[in-house]
Amino acid sequence: MKQSPLFSGLLYSMIFMLLGTLMTSLLMLATNLQETSLFSYTMSIHGVAMFVGGIVSGKKSFSKGWYHGSMLGLVYTLIVWMIGFLAYDAGLSGQTLYLLGLSCLAGGLGGMIGVNLKK
């Protein structure tokens, strides 16, 4: 049974996002990291998660890794935005658009690398 590249990449990116969030929370608890830098930590976690998800998505697809990785970034951003909207009543903002750009770029780059790792 062949899995969808989008689903596989989304699963791995969500796992990496959850692990990164847990590690950042523990670091903030154990050290004196400032909460004012939380946006940069969060965007770094999302970027790494999307890069890893893009690699997985690219490996599962046979071609067009940039496309699969970028679509993964779009779907990932929509899921994160919907969770924020439903849980915290957060609307569309500049930070959401920044996340969209970062996710599409990191996912697309990871997808290109993932397709080439398969060969």
C-alpha atoms as a PDB file:
ATOM      1  CA  MET A   1       0.000   0.000   0.000  1.00  0.00           C
ATOM      2  CA  LYS A   2       1.470   3.323  -1.089  1.00  0.00           C
ATOM      3  CA  GLN A   3       1.031   6.232   1.309  1.00  0.00           C
ATOM      4  CA  SER A   4       0.353   9.751   0.165  1.00  0.00           C
ATOM      5  CA  PRO A   5       3.448  11.986   0.144  1.00  0.00           C
ATOM      6  CA  LEU A   6       1.368  14.778   1.674  1.00  0.00           C
ATOM      7  CA  PHE A   7       0.084  12.625   4.538  1.00  0.00           C
ATOM      8  CA  SER A   8       3.513  11.137   5.281  1.00  0.00           C
ATOM      9  CA  GLY A   9       5.202  14.546   5.290  1.00  0.00           C
ATOM     10  CA  LEU A  10       2.430  16.010   7.440  1.00  0.00           C
ATOM     11  CA  LEU A  11       2.751  13.215   9.974  1.00  0.00           C
ATOM     12  CA  TYR A  12       6.522  13.640  10.303  1.00  0.00           C
ATOM     13  CA  SER A  13       6.312  17.435  10.419  1.00  0.00           C
ATOM     14  CA  MET A  14       3.696  17.325  13.179  1.00  0.00           C
ATOM     15  CA  ILE A  15       5.817  14.904  15.204  1.00  0.00           C
ATOM     16  CA  PHE A  16       8.876  17.147  14.827  1.00  0.00           C
ATOM     17  CA  MET A  17       6.810  20.216  15.690  1.00  0.00           C
ATOM     18  CA  LEU A  18       5.485  18.585  18.853  1.00  0.00           C
ATOM     19  CA  LEU A  19       8.970  17.405  19.903  1.00  0.00           C
ATOM     20  CA  GLY A  20      10.463  20.834  19.208  1.00  0.00           C
ATOM     21  CA  THR A  21       7.724  22.552  21.190  1.00  0.00           C
ATOM     22  CA  LEU A  22       8.246  20.190  24.117  1.00  0.00           C
ATOM     23  CA  MET A  23      12.017  20.764  24.069  1.00  0.00           C
ATOM     24  CA  THR A  24      11.580  24.540  23.909  1.00  0.00           C
ATOM     25  CA  SER A  25       9.126  24.456  26.808  1.00  0.00           C
ATOM     26  CA  LEU A  26      11.527  22.410  28.898  1.00  0.00           C
ATOM     27  CA  LEU A  27      14.418  24.738  28.034  1.00  0.00           C
ATOM     28  CA  MET A  28      12.360  27.771  29.014  1.00  0.00           C
ATOM     29  CA  LEU A  29      11.455  26.078  32.286  1.00  0.00           C
ATOM     30  CA  ALA A  30      15.008  25.003  33.131  1.00  0.00           C
ATOM     31  CA  THR A  31      16.901  28.105  31.946  1.00  0.00           C
ATOM     32  CA  ASN A  32      16.345  31.822  31.816  1.00  0.00           C
ATOM     33  CA  LEU A  33      15.300  32.028  28.150  1.00  0.00           C
ATOM     34  CA  GLN A  34      13.199  35.115  27.546  1.00  0.00           C
ATOM     35  CA  GLU A  35       9.600  34.821  26.415  1.00  0.00           C
ATOM     36  CA  THR A  36      10.143  37.855  24.204  1.00  0.00           C
ATOM     37  CA  SER A  37      12.132  35.576  21.872  1.00  0.00           C
ATOM     38  CA  LEU A  38       9.319  33.041  21.690  1.00  0.00           C
ATOM     39  CA  PHE A  39       8.311  34.066  18.145  1.00  0.00           C
ATOM     40  CA  SER A  40      11.771  33.287  16.769  1.00  0.00           C
ATOM     41  CA  TYR A  41      11.865  29.956  18.630  1.00  0.00           C
ATOM     42  CA  THR A  42       8.436  29.068  17.291  1.00  0.00           C
ATOM     43  CA  MET A  43       9.300  29.953  13.705  1.00  0.00           C
ATOM     44  CA  SER A  44      12.545  27.975  13.955  1.00  0.00           C
ATOM     45  CA  ILE A  45      10.614  24.929  15.134  1.00  0.00           C
ATOM     46  CA  HIS A  46       8.100  25.287  12.298  1.00  0.00           C
ATOM     47  CA  GLY A  47      10.901  25.727   9.753  1.00  0.00           C
ATOM     48  CA  VAL A  48      12.766  22.602  10.875  1.00  0.00           C
ATOM     49  CA  ALA A  49       9.535  20.607  11.045  1.00  0.00           C
ATOM     50  CA  MET A  50       8.599  21.646   7.524  1.00  0.00           C
ATOM     51  CA  PHE A  51      12.074  20.895   6.198  1.00  0.00           C
ATOM     52  CA  VAL A  52      11.944  17.370   7.646  1.00  0.00           C
ATOM     53  CA  GLY A  53       8.367  16.908   6.435  1.00  0.00           C
ATOM     54  CA  GLY A  54       9.412  18.099   2.982  1.00  0.00           C
ATOM     55  CA  ILE A  55      12.242  15.562   2.870  1.00  0.00           C
ATOM     56  CA  VAL A  56       9.833  12.753   3.774  1.00  0.00           C
ATOM     57  CA  SER A  57       7.281  14.010   1.264  1.00  0.00           C
ATOM     58  CA  GLY A  58       9.933  14.236  -1.442  1.00  0.00           C
ATOM     59  CA  LYS A  59      11.172  10.718  -0.751  1.00  0.00           C
ATOM     60  CA  LYS A  60       7.616   9.346  -1.030  1.00  0.00           C
ATOM     61  CA  SER A  61       6.965  11.118  -4.319  1.00  0.00           C
ATOM     62  CA  PHE A  62       8.767  10.187  -7.486  1.00  0.00           C
ATOM     63  CA  SER A  63       9.078  13.681  -8.917  1.00  0.00           C
ATOM     64  CA  LYS A  64       8.252  17.335  -8.262  1.00  0.00           C
ATOM     65  CA  GLY A  65       9.598  17.402  -4.713  1.00  0.00           C
ATOM     66  CA  TRP A  66       9.329  21.199  -4.630  1.00  0.00           C
ATOM     67  CA  TYR A  67       5.614  20.911  -5.425  1.00  0.00           C
ATOM     68  CA  HIS A  68       4.887  18.263  -2.796  1.00  0.00           C
ATOM     69  CA  GLY A  69       6.934  20.115  -0.177  1.00  0.00           C
ATOM     70  CA  SER A  70       5.267  23.457  -0.925  1.00  0.00           C
ATOM     71  CA  MET A  71       1.797  21.905  -0.824  1.00  0.00           C
ATOM     72  CA  LEU A  72       2.763  20.358   2.484  1.00  0.00           C
ATOM     73  CA  GLY A  73       3.691  23.840   3.728  1.00  0.00           C
ATOM     74  CA  LEU A  74       0.318  25.205   2.636  1.00  0.00           C
ATOM     75  CA  VAL A  75      -1.653  22.412   4.328  1.00  0.00           C
ATOM     76  CA  TYR A  76       0.502  22.628   7.472  1.00  0.00           C
ATOM     77  CA  THR A  77      -0.084  26.382   7.727  1.00  0.00           C
ATOM     78  CA  LEU A  78      -3.824  25.937   7.249  1.00  0.00           C
ATOM     79  CA  ILE A  79      -3.932  23.346  10.035  1.00  0.00           C
ATOM     80  CA  VAL A  80      -1.897  25.525  12.422  1.00  0.00           C
ATOM     81  CA  TRP A  81      -4.065  28.544  11.565  1.00  0.00           C
ATOM     82  CA  MET A  82      -7.316  26.583  12.072  1.00  0.00           C
ATOM     83  CA  ILE A  83      -6.141  25.340  15.465  1.00  0.00           C
ATOM     84  CA  GLY A  84      -5.248  28.904  16.474  1.00  0.00           C
ATOM     85  CA  PHE A  85      -8.548  30.220  15.153  1.00  0.00           C
ATOM     86  CA  LEU A  86     -10.704  27.604  16.861  1.00  0.00           C
ATOM     87  CA  ALA A  87      -8.798  27.467  20.152  1.00  0.00           C
ATOM     88  CA  TYR A  88      -7.723  31.078  20.628  1.00  0.00           C
ATOM     89  CA  ASP A  89      -9.931  33.036  18.196  1.00  0.00           C
ATOM     90  CA  ALA A  90      -6.767  34.191  16.417  1.00  0.00           C
ATOM     91  CA  GLY A  91      -7.415  35.707  13.024  1.00  0.00           C
ATOM     92  CA  LEU A  92      -5.302  35.979   9.925  1.00  0.00           C
ATOM     93  CA  SER A  93      -2.271  38.141  10.694  1.00  0.00           C
ATOM     94  CA  GLY A  94       1.174  39.013   9.435  1.00  0.00           C
ATOM     95  CA  GLN A  95       2.615  36.207  11.534  1.00  0.00           C
ATOM     96  CA  THR A  96       0.356  33.730   9.738  1.00  0.00           C
ATOM     97  CA  LEU A  97       1.529  34.993   6.358  1.00  0.00           C
ATOM     98  CA  TYR A  98       5.138  34.783   7.568  1.00  0.00           C
ATOM     99  CA  LEU A  99       4.504  31.172   8.626  1.00  0.00           C
ATOM    100  CA  LEU A 100       2.989  30.446   5.210  1.00  0.00           C
ATOM    101  CA  GLY A 101       6.058  31.772   3.388  1.00  0.00           C
ATOM    102  CA  LEU A 102       8.473  29.988   5.707  1.00  0.00           C
ATOM    103  CA  SER A 103       6.558  26.709   5.495  1.00  0.00           C
ATOM    104  CA  CYS A 104       6.308  26.733   1.715  1.00  0.00           C
ATOM    105  CA  LEU A 105      10.005  27.583   1.301  1.00  0.00           C
ATOM    106  CA  ALA A 106      11.282  25.087   3.883  1.00  0.00           C
ATOM    107  CA  GLY A 107       8.923  22.362   2.673  1.00  0.00           C
ATOM    108  CA  GLY A 108       9.823  22.980  -0.969  1.00  0.00           C
ATOM    109  CA  LEU A 109      13.552  22.880  -0.234  1.00  0.00           C
ATOM    110  CA  GLY A 110      13.133  19.711   1.805  1.00  0.00           C
ATOM    111  CA  GLY A 111      11.053  18.180  -0.979  1.00  0.00           C
ATOM    112  CA  MET A 112      13.767  18.863  -3.554  1.00  0.00           C
ATOM    113  CA  ILE A 113      16.369  17.271  -1.304  1.00  0.00           C
ATOM    114  CA  GLY A 114      14.078  14.320  -0.536  1.00  0.00           C
ATOM    115  CA  VAL A 115      13.493  13.491  -4.201  1.00  0.00           C
ATOM    116  CA  ASN A 116      17.237  13.501  -4.831  1.00  0.00           C
ATOM    117  CA  LEU A 117      17.951  11.346  -1.780  1.00  0.00           C
ATOM    118  CA  LYS A 118      15.778   8.617  -3.254  1.00  0.00           C
ATOM    119  CA  LYS A 119      17.953   8.182  -6.350  1.00  0.00           C
END
